[in-house]
Amino acid sequence: MFDLSWTELLVIGVVALIAIGPKELPGVLRMVGQWMGKVRRMASEFQGQFQDAMREAEMADIKKEVDDLAGTAQTYTNFDPLADINKSFETALDDKPADGSTASETVSDTPVATAPPAPDAAAPAEPVVAQDNVVDNAHTASVAEPAAEPAAAPEAPVKAGSGA
């Protein structure tokens, strides 16, 4: 604590023995020891209170961080992707273009199924080679191709319930 060496302590002991005397020296040393104990207890008490204050400050910071994280997590608990998509579709269907045309008149980015072009009867028949065999196109043209089925109408968007 005070960084005293052995020689310094020996000098202090000899001076105390001469100044106080051998009869009163044990009582004085006992009293000095009690004071040193009181000082150490006070120092440890102060240190404990200081550490408690530091813990409380750290706990307040941690509590604030946890509250912030809880608030952020609360925003994610109300996340419903189906409701967001349905709302987007509804707003897209409800919005009309500025020129007054309807949604069916506007060009859409979705591909439309169309039937393949019919073979031209006036085109000369070219042989089709398949596995080293020559096949006449007149034969293949007479085979009826299945008619393309009309594309199914898109279904109305399904609204998600607020439960489950």
Protein backbone atom coordinates (compact mmCIF):
# COMPACT_ATOMS: atom_id res chain seq x y z
CA MET A 1 0.00 0.00 0.00
CA PHE A 2 2.66 2.52 1.00
CA ASP A 3 5.47 0.45 -0.51
CA LEU A 4 7.63 0.18 2.61
CA SER A 5 10.68 -2.05 2.60
CA TRP A 6 11.93 -4.20 5.52
CA THR A 7 14.60 -1.76 6.48
CA GLU A 8 12.12 1.13 6.66
CA LEU A 9 9.76 -0.94 8.84
CA LEU A 10 12.68 -1.86 11.12
CA VAL A 11 13.62 1.81 11.55
CA ILE A 12 9.99 2.74 12.34
CA GLY A 13 9.78 -0.13 14.91
CA VAL A 14 12.99 0.94 16.68
CA VAL A 15 11.84 4.60 16.84
CA ALA A 16 8.40 3.50 18.17
CA LEU A 17 10.08 1.27 20.80
CA ILE A 18 12.28 4.12 22.00
CA ALA A 19 9.56 6.82 21.82
CA ILE A 20 6.61 4.84 23.26
CA GLY A 21 8.45 2.43 25.49
CA PRO A 22 8.28 -1.36 25.77
CA LYS A 23 5.31 -1.42 28.20
CA GLU A 24 2.86 0.60 26.06
CA LEU A 25 4.01 -0.64 22.64
CA PRO A 26 1.65 -3.69 22.51
CA GLY A 27 -1.44 -1.53 23.27
CA VAL A 28 -0.43 1.04 20.66
CA LEU A 29 0.15 -1.68 18.04
CA ARG A 30 -3.26 -3.21 18.87
CA MET A 31 -4.93 0.18 18.44
CA VAL A 32 -3.09 0.79 15.12
CA GLY A 33 -4.23 -2.67 13.94
CA GLN A 34 -7.87 -1.88 14.80
CA TRP A 35 -7.68 1.39 12.89
CA MET A 36 -6.14 -0.38 9.91
CA GLY A 37 -9.02 -2.89 10.01
CA LYS A 38 -11.58 -0.08 10.08
CA VAL A 39 -9.86 1.66 7.15
CA ARG A 40 -9.81 -1.60 5.15
CA ARG A 41 -13.50 -2.26 5.89
CA MET A 42 -14.41 1.26 4.80
CA ALA A 43 -12.34 0.89 1.63
CA SER A 44 -13.96 -2.46 0.78
CA GLU A 45 -17.42 -1.00 1.50
CA PHE A 46 -16.71 1.92 -0.80
CA GLN A 47 -15.39 -0.43 -3.47
CA GLY A 48 -18.51 -2.63 -3.15
CA GLN A 49 -20.84 0.38 -3.48
CA PHE A 50 -18.88 1.58 -6.49
CA GLN A 51 -19.13 -1.85 -8.14
CA ASP A 52 -22.89 -1.97 -7.40
CA ALA A 53 -23.33 1.42 -9.05
CA MET A 54 -21.38 0.20 -12.08
CA ARG A 55 -23.53 -2.96 -12.29
CA GLU A 56 -26.71 -0.87 -12.10
CA ALA A 57 -25.45 1.38 -14.90
CA GLU A 58 -24.57 -1.66 -17.01
CA MET A 59 -27.95 -3.23 -16.25
CA ALA A 60 -29.70 -0.02 -17.34
CA ASP A 61 -27.77 -0.10 -20.63
CA ILE A 62 -28.56 -3.79 -21.14
CA LYS A 63 -32.22 -3.20 -20.29
CA LYS A 64 -32.38 -0.39 -22.85
CA GLU A 65 -30.84 -2.64 -25.53
CA VAL A 66 -33.26 -5.46 -24.70
CA ASP A 67 -36.22 -3.06 -24.88
CA ASP A 68 -35.02 -1.84 -28.30
CA LEU A 69 -34.66 -5.42 -29.53
CA ALA A 70 -38.11 -6.31 -28.15
CA GLY A 71 -39.60 -3.36 -30.03
CA THR A 72 -37.92 -4.48 -33.24
CA ALA A 73 -39.11 -8.05 -32.71
CA GLN A 74 -42.65 -6.79 -32.12
CA THR A 75 -42.71 -5.30 -35.64
CA TYR A 76 -41.78 -8.71 -37.06
CA THR A 77 -44.57 -10.54 -35.24
CA ASN A 78 -47.18 -8.66 -37.31
CA PHE A 79 -45.51 -9.74 -40.57
CA ASP A 80 -48.04 -11.36 -42.93
CA PRO A 81 -46.66 -11.78 -46.47
CA LEU A 82 -49.97 -13.02 -47.90
CA ALA A 83 -51.83 -9.97 -46.65
CA ASP A 84 -49.13 -7.73 -48.12
CA ILE A 85 -49.37 -9.47 -51.51
CA ASN A 86 -53.19 -9.33 -51.50
CA LYS A 87 -53.07 -5.64 -50.65
CA SER A 88 -50.65 -5.07 -53.54
CA PHE A 89 -52.96 -6.91 -55.95
CA GLU A 90 -56.00 -5.02 -54.73
CA THR A 91 -54.30 -1.66 -55.15
CA ALA A 92 -53.05 -2.67 -58.60
CA LEU A 93 -56.56 -3.72 -59.66
CA ASP A 94 -58.16 -0.62 -58.13
CA ASP A 95 -55.71 1.80 -59.75
CA LYS A 96 -56.86 2.96 -63.17
CA PRO A 97 -54.49 4.55 -65.69
CA ALA A 98 -54.66 8.32 -66.07
CA ASP A 99 -55.98 8.16 -69.70
CA GLY A 100 -59.24 6.52 -68.54
CA SER A 101 -58.61 3.09 -70.06
CA THR A 102 -59.53 0.01 -68.08
CA ALA A 103 -57.19 -2.64 -66.74
CA SER A 104 -58.17 -5.03 -69.56
CA GLU A 105 -57.10 -2.48 -72.17
CA THR A 106 -53.65 -1.98 -70.69
CA VAL A 107 -50.73 -4.07 -71.82
CA SER A 108 -49.76 -6.72 -69.32
CA ASP A 109 -46.37 -8.29 -68.79
CA THR A 110 -47.82 -11.76 -68.35
CA PRO A 111 -47.42 -14.07 -71.36
CA VAL A 112 -50.56 -15.15 -73.17
CA ALA A 113 -50.83 -18.71 -74.52
CA THR A 114 -51.35 -18.78 -78.29
CA ALA A 115 -51.85 -21.66 -80.70
CA PRO A 116 -48.89 -22.54 -82.93
CA PRO A 117 -49.21 -21.32 -86.53
CA ALA A 118 -50.94 -23.71 -88.88
CA PRO A 119 -48.71 -25.30 -91.52
CA ASP A 120 -48.95 -23.49 -94.84
CA ALA A 121 -50.52 -25.73 -97.48
CA ALA A 122 -48.78 -23.88 -100.33
CA ALA A 123 -45.33 -24.45 -98.83
CA PRO A 124 -43.37 -27.20 -100.53
CA ALA A 125 -43.08 -30.37 -98.56
CA GLU A 126 -39.56 -30.88 -97.30
CA PRO A 127 -38.44 -34.25 -96.10
CA VAL A 128 -37.98 -34.60 -92.35
CA VAL A 129 -35.02 -36.70 -91.33
CA ALA A 130 -35.49 -38.75 -88.17
CA GLN A 131 -33.00 -41.42 -87.14
CA ASP A 132 -31.57 -41.80 -90.65
CA ASN A 133 -35.05 -42.37 -92.15
CA VAL A 134 -36.62 -39.98 -94.62
CA VAL A 135 -40.23 -39.17 -93.85
CA ASP A 136 -42.48 -37.28 -96.20
CA ASN A 137 -44.03 -34.09 -94.74
CA ALA A 138 -47.26 -34.74 -96.64
CA HIS A 139 -47.78 -37.73 -94.38
CA THR A 140 -47.03 -35.81 -91.22
CA ALA A 141 -49.19 -32.87 -92.23
CA SER A 142 -52.23 -35.09 -92.47
CA VAL A 143 -51.91 -36.12 -88.83
CA ALA A 144 -54.18 -33.92 -86.82
CA GLU A 145 -52.52 -32.01 -84.04
CA PRO A 146 -54.45 -31.78 -80.80
CA ALA A 147 -56.16 -28.45 -80.39
CA ALA A 148 -54.63 -26.18 -77.77
CA GLU A 149 -56.80 -25.79 -74.69
CA PRO A 150 -57.76 -22.24 -73.86
CA ALA A 151 -55.82 -20.71 -71.01
CA ALA A 152 -57.61 -20.86 -67.68
CA ALA A 153 -58.84 -17.56 -66.29
CA PRO A 154 -56.78 -16.34 -63.33
CA GLU A 155 -58.38 -16.95 -59.97
CA ALA A 156 -59.37 -14.11 -57.72
CA PRO A 157 -56.81 -13.42 -54.96
CA VAL A 158 -57.46 -15.33 -51.76
CA LYS A 159 -57.72 -13.15 -48.69
CA ALA A 160 -55.78 -14.42 -45.71
CA GLY A 161 -57.60 -14.50 -42.41
CA SER A 162 -56.24 -12.73 -39.37
CA GLY A 163 -56.05 -16.01 -37.42
CA ALA A 164 -53.41 -18.73 -37.78
